Amino acid sequence: MMKICEVEKTLVSTNRIKELGHRPLLVVREKAGGARQVAVDMIGCVPGDWVICVGSSAAREAAGSKDYPSDLTIVGIIDHWMEE
């Protein structure tokens, strides 16, 4: 599954399981007013960026390992996107 989301803000979590490592976590929304989700940022996004996210086993692979505990990982920044 792939979806387009907007990065809302950085999520700070100082207490993590060791498998998460030090990868950045971001709060994203699929659309204005939609539910917030936490995504692992593998590419260096900033709030306001529109991004491509993958979920499920693709999220773990994109984060670097089949064993990585992620269900949503950012894999690309969209150069131009206007929400409809």
N, C-alpha and C. Protein backbone atom coordinates (compact mmCIF):
# COMPACT_ATOMS: atom_id res chain seq x y z
N MET A 1 0.83 -1.17 0.00
CA MET A 1 0.00 0.00 0.00
C MET A 1 0.88 1.24 0.00
N MET A 2 0.57 2.17 -0.89
CA MET A 2 1.25 3.47 -0.92
C MET A 2 0.20 4.55 -0.74
N LYS A 3 0.58 5.62 -0.04
CA LYS A 3 -0.35 6.73 0.11
C LYS A 3 0.40 8.04 0.17
N ILE A 4 -0.31 9.11 -0.15
CA ILE A 4 0.24 10.45 -0.10
C ILE A 4 -0.18 11.09 1.22
N CYS A 5 0.78 11.64 1.95
CA CYS A 5 0.51 12.27 3.24
C CYS A 5 1.27 13.59 3.34
N GLU A 6 0.80 14.45 4.24
CA GLU A 6 1.52 15.69 4.54
C GLU A 6 2.17 15.54 5.91
N VAL A 7 3.44 15.96 5.99
CA VAL A 7 4.16 15.93 7.26
C VAL A 7 3.65 17.08 8.12
N GLU A 8 3.21 16.74 9.32
CA GLU A 8 2.68 17.75 10.22
C GLU A 8 3.74 18.25 11.20
N LYS A 9 4.44 17.33 11.84
CA LYS A 9 5.47 17.74 12.80
C LYS A 9 6.35 16.55 13.18
N THR A 10 7.44 16.86 13.85
CA THR A 10 8.35 15.84 14.37
C THR A 10 7.77 15.28 15.66
N LEU A 11 7.95 13.99 15.86
CA LEU A 11 7.52 13.34 17.09
C LEU A 11 8.76 13.00 17.90
N VAL A 12 8.84 13.51 19.11
CA VAL A 12 9.99 13.24 19.97
C VAL A 12 9.62 12.12 20.93
N SER A 13 10.40 11.06 20.88
CA SER A 13 10.20 9.91 21.76
C SER A 13 11.56 9.48 22.28
N THR A 14 11.86 9.83 23.53
CA THR A 14 13.18 9.51 24.08
C THR A 14 13.26 8.09 24.61
N ASN A 15 12.13 7.52 25.00
CA ASN A 15 12.11 6.13 25.46
C ASN A 15 11.54 5.26 24.36
N ARG A 16 12.40 4.44 23.77
CA ARG A 16 12.02 3.58 22.65
C ARG A 16 12.57 2.19 22.85
N ILE A 17 11.95 1.23 22.16
CA ILE A 17 12.57 -0.09 22.14
C ILE A 17 13.82 0.01 21.28
N LYS A 18 14.81 -0.80 21.57
CA LYS A 18 16.11 -0.67 20.89
C LYS A 18 16.01 -0.91 19.39
N GLU A 19 15.04 -1.70 18.93
CA GLU A 19 14.91 -1.99 17.50
C GLU A 19 14.56 -0.75 16.67
N LEU A 20 13.97 0.27 17.30
CA LEU A 20 13.66 1.51 16.57
C LEU A 20 14.91 2.32 16.26
N GLY A 21 15.96 2.10 17.03
CA GLY A 21 17.19 2.85 16.80
C GLY A 21 16.96 4.34 16.97
N HIS A 22 17.66 5.14 16.16
CA HIS A 22 17.55 6.60 16.26
C HIS A 22 16.93 7.21 15.01
N ARG A 23 16.15 6.44 14.29
CA ARG A 23 15.49 6.97 13.10
C ARG A 23 14.43 7.98 13.50
N PRO A 24 14.32 9.09 12.74
CA PRO A 24 13.32 10.11 13.07
C PRO A 24 11.90 9.60 12.86
N LEU A 25 11.01 10.07 13.73
CA LEU A 25 9.59 9.76 13.63
C LEU A 25 8.84 11.06 13.34
N LEU A 26 7.90 11.01 12.41
CA LEU A 26 7.13 12.19 12.04
C LEU A 26 5.64 11.90 12.15
N VAL A 27 4.87 12.94 12.48
CA VAL A 27 3.42 12.85 12.48
C VAL A 27 2.95 13.26 11.09
N VAL A 28 2.16 12.41 10.43
CA VAL A 28 1.66 12.70 9.08
C VAL A 28 0.15 12.55 9.05
N ARG A 29 -0.47 13.21 8.06
CA ARG A 29 -1.91 13.08 7.81
C ARG A 29 -2.12 12.82 6.34
N GLU A 30 -3.05 11.93 6.05
CA GLU A 30 -3.36 11.61 4.66
C GLU A 30 -4.12 12.75 3.99
N LYS A 31 -4.97 13.47 4.74
CA LYS A 31 -5.71 14.62 4.21
C LYS A 31 -6.07 15.53 5.36
N ALA A 32 -6.42 16.77 5.06
CA ALA A 32 -6.80 17.73 6.10
C ALA A 32 -7.96 17.16 6.91
N GLY A 33 -7.83 17.17 8.22
CA GLY A 33 -8.87 16.64 9.09
C GLY A 33 -8.82 15.14 9.25
N GLY A 34 -7.91 14.48 8.53
CA GLY A 34 -7.78 13.03 8.63
C GLY A 34 -7.06 12.62 9.90
N ALA A 35 -7.04 11.34 10.14
CA ALA A 35 -6.37 10.81 11.33
C ALA A 35 -4.86 10.99 11.22
N ARG A 36 -4.26 11.28 12.34
CA ARG A 36 -2.79 11.39 12.39
C ARG A 36 -2.19 9.99 12.49
N GLN A 37 -1.01 9.85 11.87
CA GLN A 37 -0.27 8.60 11.95
C GLN A 37 1.19 8.92 12.20
N VAL A 38 1.91 7.98 12.72
CA VAL A 38 3.35 8.13 12.93
C VAL A 38 4.07 7.36 11.83
N ALA A 39 5.02 8.04 11.18
CA ALA A 39 5.79 7.41 10.11
C ALA A 39 7.28 7.53 10.40
N VAL A 40 8.02 6.52 10.03
CA VAL A 40 9.48 6.55 10.12
C VAL A 40 9.99 7.34 8.92
N ASP A 41 10.88 8.31 9.18
CA ASP A 41 11.41 9.16 8.12
C ASP A 41 12.80 8.65 7.71
N MET A 42 12.88 8.08 6.51
CA MET A 42 14.15 7.55 6.03
C MET A 42 14.89 8.52 5.11
N ILE A 43 14.27 9.69 4.81
CA ILE A 43 14.88 10.55 3.79
C ILE A 43 15.09 12.00 4.18
N GLY A 44 14.65 12.44 5.35
CA GLY A 44 14.91 13.80 5.80
C GLY A 44 13.83 14.80 5.44
N CYS A 45 12.62 14.58 5.89
CA CYS A 45 11.48 15.46 5.59
C CYS A 45 11.37 16.56 6.64
N VAL A 46 10.63 17.60 6.27
CA VAL A 46 10.34 18.70 7.19
C VAL A 46 8.83 18.94 7.20
N PRO A 47 8.30 19.53 8.27
CA PRO A 47 6.87 19.83 8.30
C PRO A 47 6.44 20.62 7.06
N GLY A 48 5.29 20.23 6.52
CA GLY A 48 4.77 20.86 5.31
C GLY A 48 5.06 20.08 4.05
N ASP A 49 6.04 19.18 4.09
CA ASP A 49 6.34 18.35 2.91
C ASP A 49 5.19 17.39 2.64
N TRP A 50 4.89 17.19 1.36
CA TRP A 50 3.99 16.12 0.93
C TRP A 50 4.88 14.95 0.58
N VAL A 51 4.53 13.77 1.09
CA VAL A 51 5.41 12.61 0.98
C VAL A 51 4.65 11.38 0.51
N ILE A 52 5.41 10.41 0.03
CA ILE A 52 4.89 9.09 -0.32
C ILE A 52 5.25 8.15 0.82
N CYS A 53 4.24 7.47 1.35
CA CYS A 53 4.43 6.53 2.45
C CYS A 53 4.06 5.13 2.00
N VAL A 54 4.77 4.16 2.54
CA VAL A 54 4.41 2.77 2.31
C VAL A 54 4.09 2.13 3.64
N GLY A 55 3.20 1.15 3.61
CA GLY A 55 2.79 0.49 4.84
C GLY A 55 3.03 -1.00 4.78
N SER A 56 2.72 -1.65 5.89
CA SER A 56 2.80 -3.10 6.00
C SER A 56 4.24 -3.60 5.89
N SER A 57 4.44 -4.73 5.23
CA SER A 57 5.79 -5.29 5.12
C SER A 57 6.70 -4.39 4.29
N ALA A 58 6.14 -3.62 3.34
CA ALA A 58 6.95 -2.68 2.56
C ALA A 58 7.54 -1.60 3.46
N ALA A 59 6.82 -1.22 4.52
CA ALA A 59 7.32 -0.21 5.47
C ALA A 59 8.54 -0.74 6.21
N ARG A 60 8.51 -2.00 6.60
CA ARG A 60 9.65 -2.58 7.30
C ARG A 60 10.85 -2.71 6.37
N GLU A 61 10.62 -3.15 5.15
CA GLU A 61 11.72 -3.25 4.17
C GLU A 61 12.34 -1.88 3.90
N ALA A 62 11.48 -0.86 3.73
CA ALA A 62 11.98 0.49 3.44
C ALA A 62 12.76 1.07 4.62
N ALA A 63 12.44 0.62 5.84
CA ALA A 63 13.15 1.09 7.03
C ALA A 63 14.47 0.35 7.23
N GLY A 64 14.72 -0.65 6.40
CA GLY A 64 16.03 -1.31 6.45
C GLY A 64 16.05 -2.76 6.86
N SER A 65 14.93 -3.30 7.32
CA SER A 65 14.94 -4.69 7.76
C SER A 65 13.52 -5.23 7.85
N LYS A 66 13.35 -6.51 7.54
CA LYS A 66 12.05 -7.15 7.68
C LYS A 66 11.61 -7.20 9.15
N ASP A 67 12.57 -7.09 10.05
CA ASP A 67 12.28 -7.15 11.48
C ASP A 67 12.06 -5.79 12.12
N TYR A 68 12.22 -4.71 11.35
CA TYR A 68 12.06 -3.36 11.91
C TYR A 68 10.59 -3.12 12.28
N PRO A 69 10.32 -2.57 13.47
CA PRO A 69 8.93 -2.41 13.93
C PRO A 69 8.24 -1.16 13.39
N SER A 70 8.01 -1.10 12.08
CA SER A 70 7.32 0.03 11.48
C SER A 70 6.14 -0.46 10.66
N ASP A 71 5.06 0.30 10.69
CA ASP A 71 3.92 -0.01 9.85
C ASP A 71 3.67 1.12 8.85
N LEU A 72 4.49 2.19 8.90
CA LEU A 72 4.38 3.30 7.96
C LEU A 72 5.75 3.95 7.83
N THR A 73 6.29 3.97 6.61
CA THR A 73 7.61 4.54 6.37
C THR A 73 7.55 5.49 5.18
N ILE A 74 8.19 6.66 5.34
CA ILE A 74 8.25 7.64 4.26
C ILE A 74 9.37 7.25 3.31
N VAL A 75 9.03 7.17 2.00
CA VAL A 75 10.02 6.73 1.01
C VAL A 75 10.30 7.78 -0.06
N GLY A 76 9.56 8.88 -0.08
CA GLY A 76 9.79 9.91 -1.09
C GLY A 76 9.13 11.22 -0.73
N ILE A 77 9.76 12.33 -1.16
CA ILE A 77 9.19 13.67 -1.01
C ILE A 77 8.63 14.07 -2.37
N ILE A 78 7.39 14.55 -2.38
CA ILE A 78 6.74 14.96 -3.63
C ILE A 78 7.16 16.40 -3.94
N ASP A 79 7.65 16.65 -5.14
CA ASP A 79 8.13 17.98 -5.52
C ASP A 79 6.99 18.99 -5.61
N HIS A 80 5.84 18.58 -6.11
CA HIS A 80 4.71 19.51 -6.24
C HIS A 80 3.42 18.74 -6.06
N TRP A 81 2.59 19.19 -5.10
CA TRP A 81 1.32 18.53 -4.84
C TRP A 81 0.37 19.55 -4.26
N MET A 82 -0.83 19.62 -4.80
CA MET A 82 -1.85 20.49 -4.26
C MET A 82 -3.00 19.60 -3.81
N GLU A 83 -3.31 19.65 -2.52
CA GLU A 83 -4.39 18.83 -2.00
C GLU A 83 -5.72 19.30 -2.61
N GLU A 84 -6.53 18.34 -3.01
CA GLU A 84 -7.82 18.68 -3.62
C GLU A 84 -8.89 18.84 -2.58
